[in-house]
Amino acid sequence: MNVYLIFKIAAVGVLVSILSQVLKHSGREEHAFLVSLAGLILVLSWIVPYIYDLFITIQDLFQM
């Protein structure tokens, strides 16, 4: 995992939090929830391959 991925995740977090607050204050709580959910799904789609590699590495370690 490189530092670029961490910065991308932080940028998505900041953007989602700002959009969520703006939408909540304008009375669109449903849209704010959907923006938060979309941000979560986006970040999880970036992280899942790294989690898979971690599990494979742990499995290989214990098969020695």
Protein backbone atom coordinates (compact mmCIF):
# COMPACT_ATOMS: atom_id res chain seq x y z
CA MET A 1 0.00 0.00 0.00
CA ASN A 2 1.41 3.35 -0.93
CA VAL A 3 0.91 6.77 0.57
CA TYR A 4 -1.06 7.90 -2.48
CA LEU A 5 -3.93 5.57 -1.51
CA ILE A 6 -4.05 7.02 2.00
CA PHE A 7 -4.24 10.54 0.59
CA LYS A 8 -7.04 9.50 -1.78
CA ILE A 9 -9.02 7.99 1.11
CA ALA A 10 -8.51 11.15 3.18
CA ALA A 11 -9.62 13.33 0.27
CA VAL A 12 -12.78 11.28 -0.20
CA GLY A 13 -13.47 11.51 3.54
CA VAL A 14 -13.14 15.28 3.55
CA LEU A 15 -15.25 15.67 0.42
CA VAL A 16 -17.98 13.35 1.71
CA SER A 17 -18.12 15.09 5.07
CA ILE A 18 -18.43 18.54 3.48
CA LEU A 19 -21.11 17.40 1.04
CA SER A 20 -22.97 15.60 3.80
CA GLN A 21 -23.03 18.66 6.03
CA VAL A 22 -24.18 20.92 3.20
CA LEU A 23 -26.97 18.51 2.26
CA LYS A 24 -28.08 18.06 5.88
CA HIS A 25 -28.30 21.80 6.44
CA SER A 26 -30.31 22.24 3.26
CA GLY A 27 -32.84 19.65 4.47
CA ARG A 28 -31.84 16.76 2.22
CA GLU A 29 -30.92 14.12 4.78
CA GLU A 30 -31.66 11.27 2.36
CA HIS A 31 -29.18 12.62 -0.17
CA ALA A 32 -26.59 13.12 2.57
CA PHE A 33 -26.98 9.47 3.55
CA LEU A 34 -26.57 8.35 -0.06
CA VAL A 35 -23.43 10.47 -0.46
CA SER A 36 -21.96 8.91 2.67
CA LEU A 37 -22.86 5.44 1.46
CA ALA A 38 -21.31 6.09 -1.95
CA GLY A 39 -18.10 7.30 -0.32
CA LEU A 40 -17.95 4.20 1.85
CA ILE A 41 -18.47 1.89 -1.12
CA LEU A 42 -15.82 3.74 -3.13
CA VAL A 43 -13.22 3.46 -0.38
CA LEU A 44 -14.05 -0.18 0.28
CA SER A 45 -13.59 -0.96 -3.41
CA TRP A 46 -10.08 0.48 -3.15
CA ILE A 47 -9.20 -1.41 0.05
CA VAL A 48 -10.65 -4.87 -0.65
CA PRO A 49 -7.71 -6.05 -2.84
CA TYR A 50 -5.26 -5.15 -0.08
CA ILE A 51 -7.32 -7.04 2.50
CA TYR A 52 -7.42 -10.05 0.17
CA ASP A 53 -3.64 -9.94 -0.20
CA LEU A 54 -3.29 -9.75 3.58
CA PHE A 55 -5.41 -12.86 4.07
CA ILE A 56 -3.46 -14.75 1.40
CA THR A 57 -0.17 -13.76 3.06
CA ILE A 58 -1.41 -14.90 6.47
CA GLN A 59 -2.64 -18.17 4.98
CA ASP A 60 0.74 -18.78 3.33
CA LEU A 61 2.50 -17.97 6.59
CA PHE A 62 0.58 -20.57 8.56
CA GLN A 63 0.92 -23.25 5.88
CA MET A 64 4.67 -23.35 6.33
